[in-house]
Amino acid sequence: MVSAVNNSVNSASSGNGSAAADLSDSFMQLLVAQMQNQDPTNPMDNNQLTSQLAQFNTAAGIEKLNTAAQNMQQTMISLGSMNAASWVGRSVLMEGDPKVTVGRNNEILPIADTNATPESQDFNFYLKNDADTVTVTLTDAEGNAYTADLKNVKAGTKKFSLDDLKEFKPAEPAPDTEYTVTFSAKKGEDTVDVTGLTAETVAGVTLTDAGPYLHLVGRDDMVTLADIFVIQ
């Protein structure tokens, strides 16, 4: 599959080179035709010829620049594809609301179809800017919600555990219950963007001319590299 991507790079480069050659041929044909059909009593002067040549050089230069940019883009896609192939079997974090189960001792445990280990008490989110307070909400299937706060959290991708959450309101979450975890954040009176992250395992990679697509364990859809926040 990687070789297929490389072949597409060579093909794109060849096609762009042909376009540049066609542009040059077309210009020369038009220039010759113009000179052959000019008015003998009012021939093209040197300034006009120089001006047209300068315009052509500018157009040709832009064409070459576009060709170089397209070739570079294809090369980056090829390199990204080969790099993505090494992700198979690895864990990644991507946007989504984590689902957890509070155990009998009020330990937060991931549900069976997530990627974390059974003893894990960790959850992840991405915070766009520093926040005075990040509110973590656990919501069960009936809509019952339990909240606790994290204080003075810096911007970036963050990992916390149940041990970091104190004084749930209105009460401690009921044990042996599955919850969806959501987040909100504030800096003073201002809202701060926060994104929940779920852990997924990369099962395979499909390489295309548009770039690599990742297949994730337990999911039918595919995602792009742009959907990934962290490779673990």
C-alpha atoms as a PDB file:
ATOM      1  CA  MET A   1       0.000   0.000   0.000  1.00  0.00           C
ATOM      2  CA  VAL A   2       2.850   2.407   0.716  1.00  0.00           C
ATOM      3  CA  SER A   3       4.246   1.798  -2.770  1.00  0.00           C
ATOM      4  CA  ALA A   4       0.851   2.698  -4.215  1.00  0.00           C
ATOM      5  CA  VAL A   5       1.045   6.058  -2.497  1.00  0.00           C
ATOM      6  CA  ASN A   6       4.584   6.603  -3.746  1.00  0.00           C
ATOM      7  CA  ASN A   7       3.447   5.812  -7.287  1.00  0.00           C
ATOM      8  CA  SER A   8       0.743   8.441  -6.975  1.00  0.00           C
ATOM      9  CA  VAL A   9       3.392  11.003  -6.013  1.00  0.00           C
ATOM     10  CA  ASN A  10       5.426  10.181  -9.115  1.00  0.00           C
ATOM     11  CA  SER A  11       2.301  10.307 -11.262  1.00  0.00           C
ATOM     12  CA  ALA A  12       1.311  13.705  -9.864  1.00  0.00           C
ATOM     13  CA  SER A  13       4.823  15.038 -10.457  1.00  0.00           C
ATOM     14  CA  SER A  14       4.766  13.796 -14.066  1.00  0.00           C
ATOM     15  CA  GLY A  15       1.352  15.319 -14.667  1.00  0.00           C
ATOM     16  CA  ASN A  16       2.399  18.691 -13.287  1.00  0.00           C
ATOM     17  CA  GLY A  17       5.548  18.686 -15.413  1.00  0.00           C
ATOM     18  CA  SER A  18       3.411  18.050 -18.495  1.00  0.00           C
ATOM     19  CA  ALA A  19       1.162  20.977 -17.573  1.00  0.00           C
ATOM     20  CA  ALA A  20       4.168  23.299 -17.345  1.00  0.00           C
ATOM     21  CA  ALA A  21       5.434  22.103 -20.756  1.00  0.00           C
ATOM     22  CA  ASP A  22       1.979  22.626 -22.292  1.00  0.00           C
ATOM     23  CA  LEU A  23       1.917  26.169 -20.939  1.00  0.00           C
ATOM     24  CA  SER A  24       5.297  26.920 -22.543  1.00  0.00           C
ATOM     25  CA  ASP A  25       4.277  25.409 -25.896  1.00  0.00           C
ATOM     26  CA  SER A  26       1.000  27.324 -25.964  1.00  0.00           C
ATOM     27  CA  PHE A  27       2.729  30.619 -25.245  1.00  0.00           C
ATOM     28  CA  MET A  28       5.322  30.131 -27.979  1.00  0.00           C
ATOM     29  CA  GLN A  29       2.656  29.176 -30.519  1.00  0.00           C
ATOM     30  CA  LEU A  30       0.621  32.274 -29.697  1.00  0.00           C
ATOM     31  CA  LEU A  31       3.693  34.518 -29.849  1.00  0.00           C
ATOM     32  CA  VAL A  32       4.778  33.155 -33.244  1.00  0.00           C
ATOM     33  CA  ALA A  33       1.239  33.481 -34.610  1.00  0.00           C
ATOM     34  CA  GLN A  34       1.048  37.056 -33.338  1.00  0.00           C
ATOM     35  CA  MET A  35       4.329  37.999 -35.010  1.00  0.00           C
ATOM     36  CA  GLN A  36       3.365  36.285 -38.282  1.00  0.00           C
ATOM     37  CA  ASN A  37       0.034  38.084 -38.440  1.00  0.00           C
ATOM     38  CA  GLN A  38       1.129  41.502 -37.210  1.00  0.00           C
ATOM     39  CA  ASP A  39       0.506  44.612 -39.297  1.00  0.00           C
ATOM     40  CA  PRO A  40       3.676  45.190 -41.382  1.00  0.00           C
ATOM     41  CA  THR A  41       3.095  48.942 -41.126  1.00  0.00           C
ATOM     42  CA  ASN A  42       2.835  48.754 -37.357  1.00  0.00           C
ATOM     43  CA  PRO A  43       5.036  45.857 -36.157  1.00  0.00           C
ATOM     44  CA  MET A  44       5.366  44.841 -32.535  1.00  0.00           C
ATOM     45  CA  ASP A  45       8.057  46.903 -30.846  1.00  0.00           C
ATOM     46  CA  ASN A  46      10.703  45.551 -28.470  1.00  0.00           C
ATOM     47  CA  ASN A  47       8.894  46.897 -25.415  1.00  0.00           C
ATOM     48  CA  GLN A  48       5.749  44.915 -26.255  1.00  0.00           C
ATOM     49  CA  LEU A  49       7.768  41.755 -26.838  1.00  0.00           C
ATOM     50  CA  THR A  50       9.687  42.244 -23.589  1.00  0.00           C
ATOM     51  CA  SER A  51       6.431  42.826 -21.702  1.00  0.00           C
ATOM     52  CA  GLN A  52       4.868  39.624 -23.034  1.00  0.00           C
ATOM     53  CA  LEU A  53       7.983  37.603 -22.249  1.00  0.00           C
ATOM     54  CA  ALA A  54       7.980  39.012 -18.706  1.00  0.00           C
ATOM     55  CA  GLN A  55       4.320  38.033 -18.277  1.00  0.00           C
ATOM     56  CA  PHE A  56       5.083  34.538 -19.509  1.00  0.00           C
ATOM     57  CA  ASN A  57       8.036  34.179 -17.127  1.00  0.00           C
ATOM     58  CA  THR A  58       5.785  35.233 -14.252  1.00  0.00           C
ATOM     59  CA  ALA A  59       3.104  32.709 -15.250  1.00  0.00           C
ATOM     60  CA  ALA A  60       5.703  29.968 -15.738  1.00  0.00           C
ATOM     61  CA  GLY A  61       7.233  30.767 -12.353  1.00  0.00           C
ATOM     62  CA  ILE A  62       3.848  30.507 -10.647  1.00  0.00           C
ATOM     63  CA  GLU A  63       3.206  27.201 -12.440  1.00  0.00           C
ATOM     64  CA  LYS A  64       6.539  25.826 -11.221  1.00  0.00           C
ATOM     65  CA  LEU A  65       5.801  27.041  -7.683  1.00  0.00           C
ATOM     66  CA  ASN A  66       2.396  25.352  -7.743  1.00  0.00           C
ATOM     67  CA  THR A  67       3.995  22.163  -9.049  1.00  0.00           C
ATOM     68  CA  ALA A  68       6.598  22.207  -6.267  1.00  0.00           C
ATOM     69  CA  ALA A  69       3.901  22.796  -3.632  1.00  0.00           C
ATOM     70  CA  GLN A  70       1.775  19.933  -4.970  1.00  0.00           C
ATOM     71  CA  ASN A  71       4.763  17.585  -5.014  1.00  0.00           C
ATOM     72  CA  MET A  72       5.621  18.564  -1.439  1.00  0.00           C
ATOM     73  CA  GLN A  73       2.031  17.949  -0.345  1.00  0.00           C
ATOM     74  CA  GLN A  74       2.041  14.485  -1.920  1.00  0.00           C
ATOM     75  CA  THR A  75       5.371  13.706  -0.265  1.00  0.00           C
ATOM     76  CA  MET A  76       3.998  14.739   3.147  1.00  0.00           C
ATOM     77  CA  ILE A  77       0.928  12.546   2.601  1.00  0.00           C
ATOM     78  CA  SER A  78       3.198   9.612   1.707  1.00  0.00           C
ATOM     79  CA  LEU A  79       5.371  10.125   4.792  1.00  0.00           C
ATOM     80  CA  GLY A  80       2.280  10.476   6.978  1.00  0.00           C
ATOM     81  CA  SER A  81       0.900   7.237   5.588  1.00  0.00           C
ATOM     82  CA  MET A  82       4.074   5.304   6.333  1.00  0.00           C
ATOM     83  CA  ASN A  83       4.184   6.786   9.853  1.00  0.00           C
ATOM     84  CA  ALA A  84       0.522   5.951  10.488  1.00  0.00           C
ATOM     85  CA  ALA A  85       1.162   2.305   9.578  1.00  0.00           C
ATOM     86  CA  SER A  86       3.323   2.051  12.716  1.00  0.00           C
ATOM     87  CA  TRP A  87       0.333   3.010  14.886  1.00  0.00           C
ATOM     88  CA  VAL A  88      -1.379  -0.391  14.571  1.00  0.00           C
ATOM     89  CA  GLY A  89      -1.929  -1.840  18.040  1.00  0.00           C
ATOM     90  CA  ARG A  90      -1.278   1.462  19.798  1.00  0.00           C
ATOM     91  CA  SER A  91      -3.683   3.453  21.944  1.00  0.00           C
ATOM     92  CA  VAL A  92      -4.824   6.916  20.869  1.00  0.00           C
ATOM     93  CA  LEU A  93      -6.936   9.628  22.470  1.00  0.00           C
ATOM     94  CA  MET A  94      -9.677  11.235  20.401  1.00  0.00           C
ATOM     95  CA  GLU A  95     -12.724  13.404  21.006  1.00  0.00           C
ATOM     96  CA  GLY A  96     -15.596  11.696  22.805  1.00  0.00           C
ATOM     97  CA  ASP A  97     -17.307  11.411  26.187  1.00  0.00           C
ATOM     98  CA  PRO A  98     -15.630   8.711  28.306  1.00  0.00           C
ATOM     99  CA  LYS A  99     -17.881   6.023  29.793  1.00  0.00           C
ATOM    100  CA  VAL A 100     -16.923   4.634  33.195  1.00  0.00           C
ATOM    101  CA  THR A 101     -18.305   2.386  35.889  1.00  0.00           C
ATOM    102  CA  VAL A 102     -18.017   3.194  39.585  1.00  0.00           C
ATOM    103  CA  GLY A 103     -17.046   0.014  41.417  1.00  0.00           C
ATOM    104  CA  ARG A 104     -18.237  -1.264  44.764  1.00  0.00           C
ATOM    105  CA  ASN A 105     -15.655   0.832  46.601  1.00  0.00           C
ATOM    106  CA  ASN A 106     -16.523   3.897  44.489  1.00  0.00           C
ATOM    107  CA  GLU A 107     -13.483   3.331  42.306  1.00  0.00           C
ATOM    108  CA  ILE A 108     -13.929   4.653  38.788  1.00  0.00           C
ATOM    109  CA  LEU A 109     -13.462   1.798  36.314  1.00  0.00           C
ATOM    110  CA  PRO A 110     -13.653   1.884  32.517  1.00  0.00           C
ATOM    111  CA  ILE A 111     -16.409  -0.093  30.841  1.00  0.00           C
ATOM    112  CA  ALA A 112     -15.469  -3.277  29.022  1.00  0.00           C
ATOM    113  CA  ASP A 113     -15.313  -1.869  25.474  1.00  0.00           C
ATOM    114  CA  THR A 114     -12.840   0.890  26.294  1.00  0.00           C
ATOM    115  CA  ASN A 115      -9.111   0.666  25.941  1.00  0.00           C
ATOM    116  CA  ALA A 116      -7.966   1.255  29.496  1.00  0.00           C
ATOM    117  CA  THR A 117      -7.012  -1.545  31.858  1.00  0.00           C
ATOM    118  CA  PRO A 118      -9.605  -2.753  34.415  1.00  0.00           C
ATOM    119  CA  GLU A 119      -7.723  -1.238  37.342  1.00  0.00           C
ATOM    120  CA  SER A 120      -7.436   2.188  35.674  1.00  0.00           C
ATOM    121  CA  GLN A 121      -9.035   5.150  37.447  1.00  0.00           C
ATOM    122  CA  ASP A 122      -7.871   7.665  34.844  1.00  0.00           C
ATOM    123  CA  PHE A 123      -9.875   9.917  32.531  1.00  0.00           C
ATOM    124  CA  ASN A 124      -8.679  12.438  29.954  1.00  0.00           C
ATOM    125  CA  PHE A 125      -9.753  15.769  28.493  1.00  0.00           C
ATOM    126  CA  TYR A 126      -8.309  18.632  26.459  1.00  0.00           C
ATOM    127  CA  LEU A 127      -8.440  22.152  27.930  1.00  0.00           C
ATOM    128  CA  LYS A 128      -7.954  25.005  25.453  1.00  0.00           C
ATOM    129  CA  ASN A 129      -6.900  27.610  28.060  1.00  0.00           C
ATOM    130  CA  ASP A 130      -6.032  27.671  31.761  1.00  0.00           C
ATOM    131  CA  ALA A 131      -9.101  27.267  33.984  1.00  0.00           C
ATOM    132  CA  ASP A 132      -9.850  28.096  37.602  1.00  0.00           C
ATOM    133  CA  THR A 133     -12.342  25.228  37.744  1.00  0.00           C
ATOM    134  CA  VAL A 134     -13.048  22.154  35.634  1.00  0.00           C
ATOM    135  CA  THR A 135     -16.335  20.517  36.599  1.00  0.00           C
ATOM    136  CA  VAL A 136     -16.471  16.752  36.022  1.00  0.00           C
ATOM    137  CA  THR A 137     -19.987  15.312  35.665  1.00  0.00           C
ATOM    138  CA  LEU A 138     -20.912  11.619  35.864  1.00  0.00           C
ATOM    139  CA  THR A 139     -24.363  10.927  34.362  1.00  0.00           C
ATOM    140  CA  ASP A 140     -26.143   7.561  34.509  1.00  0.00           C
ATOM    141  CA  ALA A 141     -28.669   6.113  32.047  1.00  0.00           C
ATOM    142  CA  GLU A 142     -31.593   7.618  33.999  1.00  0.00           C
ATOM    143  CA  GLY A 143     -30.108  11.108  33.798  1.00  0.00           C
ATOM    144  CA  ASN A 144     -28.909  11.304  37.407  1.00  0.00           C
ATOM    145  CA  ALA A 145     -25.822  13.530  37.520  1.00  0.00           C
ATOM    146  CA  TYR A 146     -23.013  13.769  40.051  1.00  0.00           C
ATOM    147  CA  THR A 147     -20.441  16.560  39.867  1.00  0.00           C
ATOM    148  CA  ALA A 148     -17.047  17.313  41.376  1.00  0.00           C
ATOM    149  CA  ASP A 149     -14.503  20.052  40.659  1.00  0.00           C
ATOM    150  CA  LEU A 150     -10.831  20.186  39.720  1.00  0.00           C
ATOM    151  CA  LYS A 151      -9.117  23.453  40.652  1.00  0.00           C
ATOM    152  CA  ASN A 152      -6.484  25.549  38.810  1.00  0.00           C
ATOM    153  CA  VAL A 153      -6.013  23.342  35.759  1.00  0.00           C
ATOM    154  CA  LYS A 154      -3.484  24.366  33.101  1.00  0.00           C
ATOM    155  CA  ALA A 155      -4.242  24.265  29.382  1.00  0.00           C
ATOM    156  CA  GLY A 156      -3.463  21.138  27.366  1.00  0.00           C
ATOM    157  CA  THR A 157      -4.293  17.429  27.319  1.00  0.00           C
ATOM    158  CA  LYS A 158      -4.885  16.334  30.908  1.00  0.00           C
ATOM    159  CA  LYS A 159      -5.143  13.038  32.756  1.00  0.00           C
ATOM    160  CA  PHE A 160      -6.796  12.798  36.179  1.00  0.00           C
ATOM    161  CA  SER A 161      -8.129   9.999  38.358  1.00  0.00           C
ATOM    162  CA  LEU A 162     -10.994   9.516  40.819  1.00  0.00           C
ATOM    163  CA  ASP A 163      -8.579  10.324  43.631  1.00  0.00           C
ATOM    164  CA  ASP A 164      -8.432  13.888  42.300  1.00  0.00           C
ATOM    165  CA  LEU A 165     -12.209  14.337  42.649  1.00  0.00           C
ATOM    166  CA  LYS A 166     -13.487  15.344  46.085  1.00  0.00           C
ATOM    167  CA  GLU A 167     -16.961  15.992  47.466  1.00  0.00           C
ATOM    168  CA  PHE A 168     -19.304  14.871  44.711  1.00  0.00           C
ATOM    169  CA  LYS A 169     -22.629  16.737  44.617  1.00  0.00           C
ATOM    170  CA  PRO A 170     -25.435  16.069  45.378  1.00  0.00           C
ATOM    171  CA  ALA A 171     -23.999  12.760  46.645  1.00  0.00           C
ATOM    172  CA  GLU A 172     -21.423  10.103  45.886  1.00  0.00           C
ATOM    173  CA  PRO A 173     -22.141   8.234  42.615  1.00  0.00           C
ATOM    174  CA  ALA A 174     -23.955   4.935  43.092  1.00  0.00           C
ATOM    175  CA  PRO A 175     -21.703   1.865  42.746  1.00  0.00           C
ATOM    176  CA  ASP A 176     -21.933  -0.755  39.974  1.00  0.00           C
ATOM    177  CA  THR A 177     -23.427   1.783  37.586  1.00  0.00           C
ATOM    178  CA  GLU A 178     -22.244   2.919  34.170  1.00  0.00           C
ATOM    179  CA  TYR A 179     -21.742   6.675  33.738  1.00  0.00           C
ATOM    180  CA  THR A 180     -20.963   9.021  30.882  1.00  0.00           C
ATOM    181  CA  VAL A 181     -18.302  11.583  31.826  1.00  0.00           C
ATOM    182  CA  THR A 182     -18.612  15.179  30.602  1.00  0.00           C
ATOM    183  CA  PHE A 183     -16.687  18.328  31.406  1.00  0.00           C
ATOM    184  CA  SER A 184     -17.152  22.091  31.684  1.00  0.00           C
ATOM    185  CA  ALA A 185     -14.600  24.730  32.644  1.00  0.00           C
ATOM    186  CA  LYS A 186     -14.391  28.373  33.720  1.00  0.00           C
ATOM    187  CA  LYS A 187     -11.781  31.087  34.161  1.00  0.00           C
ATOM    188  CA  GLY A 188     -13.366  33.665  36.423  1.00  0.00           C
ATOM    189  CA  GLU A 189     -16.775  34.279  34.832  1.00  0.00           C
ATOM    190  CA  ASP A 190     -15.622  33.192  31.369  1.00  0.00           C
ATOM    191  CA  THR A 191     -16.267  29.759  29.883  1.00  0.00           C
ATOM    192  CA  VAL A 192     -13.205  27.792  28.747  1.00  0.00           C
ATOM    193  CA  ASP A 193     -13.437  25.234  25.935  1.00  0.00           C
ATOM    194  CA  VAL A 194     -12.900  21.683  27.174  1.00  0.00           C
ATOM    195  CA  THR A 195     -13.125  18.449  25.163  1.00  0.00           C
ATOM    196  CA  GLY A 196     -13.601  14.967  26.592  1.00  0.00           C
ATOM    197  CA  LEU A 197     -11.204  12.332  25.232  1.00  0.00           C
ATOM    198  CA  THR A 198     -11.720   8.603  24.847  1.00  0.00           C
ATOM    199  CA  ALA A 199      -9.023   5.952  24.558  1.00  0.00           C
ATOM    200  CA  GLU A 200      -9.162   3.815  21.404  1.00  0.00           C
ATOM    201  CA  THR A 201      -6.929   1.106  19.914  1.00  0.00           C
ATOM    202  CA  VAL A 202      -5.771   1.315  16.287  1.00  0.00           C
ATOM    203  CA  ALA A 203      -6.701  -1.940  14.535  1.00  0.00           C
ATOM    204  CA  GLY A 204      -5.479  -1.078  11.042  1.00  0.00           C
ATOM    205  CA  VAL A 205      -4.620   1.650   8.554  1.00  0.00           C
ATOM    206  CA  THR A 206      -5.978   2.285   5.054  1.00  0.00           C
ATOM    207  CA  LEU A 207      -3.617   4.296   2.839  1.00  0.00           C
ATOM    208  CA  THR A 208      -5.207   6.569   0.232  1.00  0.00           C
ATOM    209  CA  ASP A 209      -4.097   9.448  -1.982  1.00  0.00           C
ATOM    210  CA  ALA A 210      -5.902  11.764   0.456  1.00  0.00           C
ATOM    211  CA  GLY A 211      -3.882  10.403   3.381  1.00  0.00           C
ATOM    212  CA  PRO A 212      -4.165   7.528   5.884  1.00  0.00           C
ATOM    213  CA  TYR A 213      -7.419   6.479   7.565  1.00  0.00           C
ATOM    214  CA  LEU A 214      -7.344   4.617  10.891  1.00  0.00           C
ATOM    215  CA  HIS A 215      -9.572   1.647  11.765  1.00  0.00           C
ATOM    216  CA  LEU A 216     -10.331   1.500  15.508  1.00  0.00           C
ATOM    217  CA  VAL A 217     -11.189  -1.568  17.580  1.00  0.00           C
ATOM    218  CA  GLY A 218     -14.943  -1.895  18.106  1.00  0.00           C
ATOM    219  CA  ARG A 219     -15.884   0.856  15.634  1.00  0.00           C
ATOM    220  CA  ASP A 220     -17.220   0.608  12.093  1.00  0.00           C
ATOM    221  CA  ASP A 221     -16.178   4.099  10.998  1.00  0.00           C
ATOM    222  CA  MET A 222     -12.674   5.277  10.129  1.00  0.00           C
ATOM    223  CA  VAL A 223     -10.909   8.408  11.395  1.00  0.00           C
ATOM    224  CA  THR A 224      -8.127  10.611  10.039  1.00  0.00           C
ATOM    225  CA  LEU A 225      -4.913  11.705  11.721  1.00  0.00           C
ATOM    226  CA  ALA A 226      -6.541  15.094  12.340  1.00  0.00           C
ATOM    227  CA  ASP A 227      -9.049  13.394  14.677  1.00  0.00           C
ATOM    228  CA  ILE A 228      -6.291  12.175  17.008  1.00  0.00           C
ATOM    229  CA  PHE A 229      -5.278  14.279  20.010  1.00  0.00           C
ATOM    230  CA  VAL A 230      -2.597  12.007  21.509  1.00  0.00           C
ATOM    231  CA  ILE A 231      -0.754   8.792  20.556  1.00  0.00           C
ATOM    232  CA  GLN A 232      -0.084   6.827  23.718  1.00  0.00           C
END
